[in-house]
Amino acid sequence: MGFIMYDSTSQLHIEDRALAHLKVVIATKLRRNESFTVSWTHAEGDAYGRSTIWLHPSIPLRFTFEGRQQPALNPRWIEELMQSANSTGGITLVDEVVQDSSIEGHDKSPTSG
């Protein structure tokens, strides 16, 4: 379970595989100097509800992964997240879009551990 450190104070805990995909989308948007939101429902055991943060290229952001290995990336999942990022609602963390049987074991919720 990794996390995104946002504004040097806030942390969003997220499973490493989902975080790797989210990092690609966030880095792409910020590299284009685009601001957007990221929304998620709180994980079991956290306060009930949902949260949204505003991401802007000037806000410090750090991605920390628990594992040392970069997971194989699923282009279809990245595309789904990018479409979400380009919408008026911003990125909403969604379950992985399984594209073939070799990835079926990785269809966990983005915030599950």
Protein backbone atom coordinates (compact mmCIF):
# COMPACT_ATOMS: atom_id res chain seq x y z
CA MET A 1 0.00 0.00 0.00
CA GLY A 2 1.62 3.21 -1.19
CA PHE A 3 0.46 6.79 -0.92
CA ILE A 4 0.37 10.18 -2.55
CA MET A 5 1.76 12.95 -0.33
CA TYR A 6 -0.15 16.08 -1.27
CA ASP A 7 0.91 19.58 -0.24
CA SER A 8 3.52 18.06 2.12
CA THR A 9 0.81 17.31 4.71
CA SER A 10 -2.04 15.19 3.35
CA GLN A 11 -1.76 11.53 2.34
CA LEU A 12 -3.98 9.44 0.12
CA HIS A 13 -3.25 5.74 0.76
CA ILE A 14 -3.70 3.59 -2.30
CA GLU A 15 -2.69 0.12 -3.47
CA ASP A 16 0.63 0.18 -5.41
CA ARG A 17 -0.80 -1.11 -8.70
CA ALA A 18 -3.53 1.54 -8.77
CA LEU A 19 -1.03 4.20 -7.67
CA ALA A 20 1.29 3.36 -10.59
CA HIS A 21 -1.56 3.92 -13.06
CA LEU A 22 -2.74 7.06 -11.32
CA LYS A 23 0.82 8.44 -11.35
CA VAL A 24 0.98 8.15 -15.15
CA VAL A 25 -2.26 10.11 -15.56
CA ILE A 26 -1.43 12.76 -12.97
CA ALA A 27 2.09 13.29 -14.35
CA THR A 28 0.70 13.65 -17.88
CA LYS A 29 -1.88 16.24 -16.80
CA LEU A 30 0.58 18.25 -14.70
CA ARG A 31 3.24 18.13 -17.43
CA ARG A 32 0.65 19.82 -19.68
CA ASN A 33 0.19 22.44 -16.94
CA GLU A 34 -3.43 21.30 -16.43
CA SER A 35 -5.20 21.52 -13.07
CA PHE A 36 -7.89 18.98 -12.09
CA THR A 37 -9.48 17.18 -9.16
CA VAL A 38 -9.02 13.65 -7.81
CA SER A 39 -11.92 12.07 -5.89
CA TRP A 40 -12.25 8.82 -3.95
CA THR A 41 -14.45 7.10 -1.42
CA HIS A 42 -12.84 6.48 1.94
CA ALA A 43 -11.49 3.01 2.59
CA GLU A 44 -13.08 0.70 5.15
CA GLY A 45 -11.87 1.64 8.60
CA ASP A 46 -11.50 5.34 7.70
CA ALA A 47 -14.09 8.00 8.41
CA TYR A 48 -17.18 7.30 6.29
CA GLY A 49 -17.53 9.42 3.17
CA ARG A 50 -15.54 10.66 0.22
CA SER A 51 -12.87 13.26 -0.50
CA THR A 52 -11.71 15.42 -3.39
CA ILE A 53 -8.41 17.26 -3.78
CA TRP A 54 -7.44 19.90 -6.32
CA LEU A 55 -4.19 19.21 -8.14
CA HIS A 56 -2.20 22.04 -9.68
CA PRO A 57 1.35 22.03 -11.08
CA SER A 58 2.53 24.38 -8.31
CA ILE A 59 1.39 22.10 -5.44
CA PRO A 60 4.08 19.69 -4.17
CA LEU A 61 3.20 16.05 -4.85
CA ARG A 62 5.06 12.85 -3.96
CA PHE A 63 4.26 9.25 -4.92
CA THR A 64 5.58 6.61 -2.51
CA PHE A 65 5.30 2.91 -3.30
CA GLU A 66 5.54 0.06 -0.82
CA GLY A 67 7.01 -2.33 -3.38
CA ARG A 68 10.26 -1.94 -5.28
CA GLN A 69 9.04 -3.39 -8.58
CA GLN A 70 7.14 -1.29 -11.11
CA PRO A 71 3.94 -3.20 -11.95
CA ALA A 72 3.04 -3.87 -15.57
CA LEU A 73 0.79 -1.06 -16.73
CA ASN A 74 -2.65 -1.67 -18.23
CA PRO A 75 -3.12 0.84 -21.10
CA ARG A 76 -6.90 0.43 -21.00
CA TRP A 77 -7.05 1.39 -17.31
CA ILE A 78 -4.80 4.40 -17.94
CA GLU A 79 -7.15 5.49 -20.74
CA GLU A 80 -10.19 5.17 -18.45
CA LEU A 81 -8.45 7.26 -15.78
CA MET A 82 -7.35 9.84 -18.37
CA GLN A 83 -10.90 10.18 -19.69
CA SER A 84 -12.04 10.71 -16.13
CA ALA A 85 -9.30 13.31 -15.58
CA ASN A 86 -10.43 15.19 -18.69
CA SER A 87 -14.04 15.34 -17.51
CA THR A 88 -15.55 18.19 -15.51
CA GLY A 89 -15.64 15.94 -12.44
CA GLY A 90 -11.91 15.14 -12.55
CA ILE A 91 -10.32 11.77 -11.82
CA THR A 92 -12.48 9.34 -9.92
CA LEU A 93 -10.58 6.29 -8.73
CA VAL A 94 -12.17 3.26 -10.35
CA ASP A 95 -11.46 -0.46 -10.33
CA GLU A 96 -9.03 -1.71 -12.92
CA VAL A 97 -10.43 -2.31 -16.38
CA VAL A 98 -9.37 -5.87 -17.19
CA GLN A 99 -8.26 -6.19 -20.79
CA ASP A 100 -7.27 -9.85 -20.93
CA SER A 101 -6.95 -12.97 -18.79
CA SER A 102 -3.31 -12.25 -17.88
CA ILE A 103 -4.42 -9.30 -15.71
CA GLU A 104 -7.56 -10.83 -14.15
CA GLY A 105 -5.86 -11.33 -10.80
CA HIS A 106 -5.38 -7.56 -10.49
CA ASP A 107 -8.97 -6.31 -10.55
CA LYS A 108 -8.89 -5.05 -6.96
CA SER A 109 -10.40 -1.81 -5.80
CA PRO A 110 -7.90 1.09 -6.01
CA THR A 111 -7.98 1.70 -2.27
CA SER A 112 -8.10 -1.91 -1.14
CA GLY A 113 -5.11 -3.53 0.42
